[in-house]
Amino acid sequence: MGISRELLEVIACPKCKGVLVYNESENILICEVCKVYYEVKEDIPILLAEEAKPLELNA
């Protein structure tokens, strides 16, 4: 199912309030400014700053 376009338009990185990019194949939201990603579990983005994972570990 994935994340709705409406949701993607309004959510932001909890750390910097920047744009998040949805990587559908990995099912993650990426903040290129903070160099972190947030997991999406059961179509629900886990947007807690303490749950952010370093981007280089997922590459």
C-alpha atoms as a PDB file:
ATOM      1  CA  MET A   1       0.000   0.000   0.000  1.00  0.00           C
ATOM      2  CA  GLY A   2       2.693   2.538   0.952  1.00  0.00           C
ATOM      3  CA  ILE A   3       2.496   6.052   2.294  1.00  0.00           C
ATOM      4  CA  SER A   4      -0.121   8.367   0.811  1.00  0.00           C
ATOM      5  CA  ARG A   5       0.984  11.360  -1.257  1.00  0.00           C
ATOM      6  CA  GLU A   6      -0.953  13.654   1.064  1.00  0.00           C
ATOM      7  CA  LEU A   7       1.049  12.466   4.056  1.00  0.00           C
ATOM      8  CA  LEU A   8       4.353  12.760   2.196  1.00  0.00           C
ATOM      9  CA  GLU A   9       3.537  16.384   1.392  1.00  0.00           C
ATOM     10  CA  VAL A  10       3.083  17.396   5.047  1.00  0.00           C
ATOM     11  CA  ILE A  11       5.585  15.350   7.059  1.00  0.00           C
ATOM     12  CA  ALA A  12       9.044  16.703   7.854  1.00  0.00           C
ATOM     13  CA  CYS A  13      12.196  15.567   9.564  1.00  0.00           C
ATOM     14  CA  PRO A  14      11.701  15.831  13.330  1.00  0.00           C
ATOM     15  CA  LYS A  15      15.319  16.994  13.770  1.00  0.00           C
ATOM     16  CA  CYS A  16      15.690  19.772  11.183  1.00  0.00           C
ATOM     17  CA  LYS A  17      12.100  20.163   9.899  1.00  0.00           C
ATOM     18  CA  GLY A  18      13.438  19.513   6.396  1.00  0.00           C
ATOM     19  CA  VAL A  19      12.027  17.519   3.511  1.00  0.00           C
ATOM     20  CA  LEU A  20      11.909  13.735   3.771  1.00  0.00           C
ATOM     21  CA  VAL A  21      12.348  11.593   0.663  1.00  0.00           C
ATOM     22  CA  TYR A  22      10.462   8.299   0.558  1.00  0.00           C
ATOM     23  CA  ASN A  23      12.494   5.320  -0.643  1.00  0.00           C
ATOM     24  CA  GLU A  24       9.744   2.871  -1.516  1.00  0.00           C
ATOM     25  CA  SER A  25      12.012  -0.119  -2.181  1.00  0.00           C
ATOM     26  CA  GLU A  26      13.629   0.165   1.283  1.00  0.00           C
ATOM     27  CA  ASN A  27      10.424   1.452   2.928  1.00  0.00           C
ATOM     28  CA  ILE A  28      12.258   4.306   4.644  1.00  0.00           C
ATOM     29  CA  LEU A  29      12.093   8.098   4.787  1.00  0.00           C
ATOM     30  CA  ILE A  30      15.424   9.819   4.197  1.00  0.00           C
ATOM     31  CA  CYS A  31      16.563  13.212   5.457  1.00  0.00           C
ATOM     32  CA  GLU A  32      19.506  14.190   3.272  1.00  0.00           C
ATOM     33  CA  VAL A  33      20.287  17.215   5.477  1.00  0.00           C
ATOM     34  CA  CYS A  34      20.691  15.207   8.704  1.00  0.00           C
ATOM     35  CA  LYS A  35      22.031  12.111   6.869  1.00  0.00           C
ATOM     36  CA  VAL A  36      19.557   9.840   8.658  1.00  0.00           C
ATOM     37  CA  TYR A  37      16.584   7.690   7.774  1.00  0.00           C
ATOM     38  CA  TYR A  38      13.360   6.739   9.501  1.00  0.00           C
ATOM     39  CA  GLU A  39      11.708   3.350   9.125  1.00  0.00           C
ATOM     40  CA  VAL A  40       8.134   2.898   7.952  1.00  0.00           C
ATOM     41  CA  LYS A  41       6.393   0.018   9.728  1.00  0.00           C
ATOM     42  CA  GLU A  42       2.982  -1.190   8.565  1.00  0.00           C
ATOM     43  CA  ASP A  43       2.640   2.008   6.473  1.00  0.00           C
ATOM     44  CA  ILE A  44       3.267   4.196   9.549  1.00  0.00           C
ATOM     45  CA  PRO A  45       6.361   6.418   9.535  1.00  0.00           C
ATOM     46  CA  ILE A  46       8.303   6.221  12.797  1.00  0.00           C
ATOM     47  CA  LEU A  47       9.219   9.915  13.034  1.00  0.00           C
ATOM     48  CA  LEU A  48      10.866  10.060  16.435  1.00  0.00           C
ATOM     49  CA  ALA A  49      14.248  11.802  16.476  1.00  0.00           C
ATOM     50  CA  GLU A  50      15.663   9.108  18.757  1.00  0.00           C
ATOM     51  CA  GLU A  51      14.621   6.421  16.233  1.00  0.00           C
ATOM     52  CA  ALA A  52      16.642   7.985  13.382  1.00  0.00           C
ATOM     53  CA  LYS A  53      19.339   5.760  11.948  1.00  0.00           C
ATOM     54  CA  PRO A  54      22.540   6.948  10.228  1.00  0.00           C
ATOM     55  CA  LEU A  55      22.087   6.905   6.477  1.00  0.00           C
ATOM     56  CA  GLU A  56      25.441   5.281   5.706  1.00  0.00           C
ATOM     57  CA  LEU A  57      24.457   2.102   7.591  1.00  0.00           C
ATOM     58  CA  ASN A  58      21.534   1.523   5.207  1.00  0.00           C
ATOM     59  CA  ALA A  59      23.500   2.101   1.994  1.00  0.00           C
END
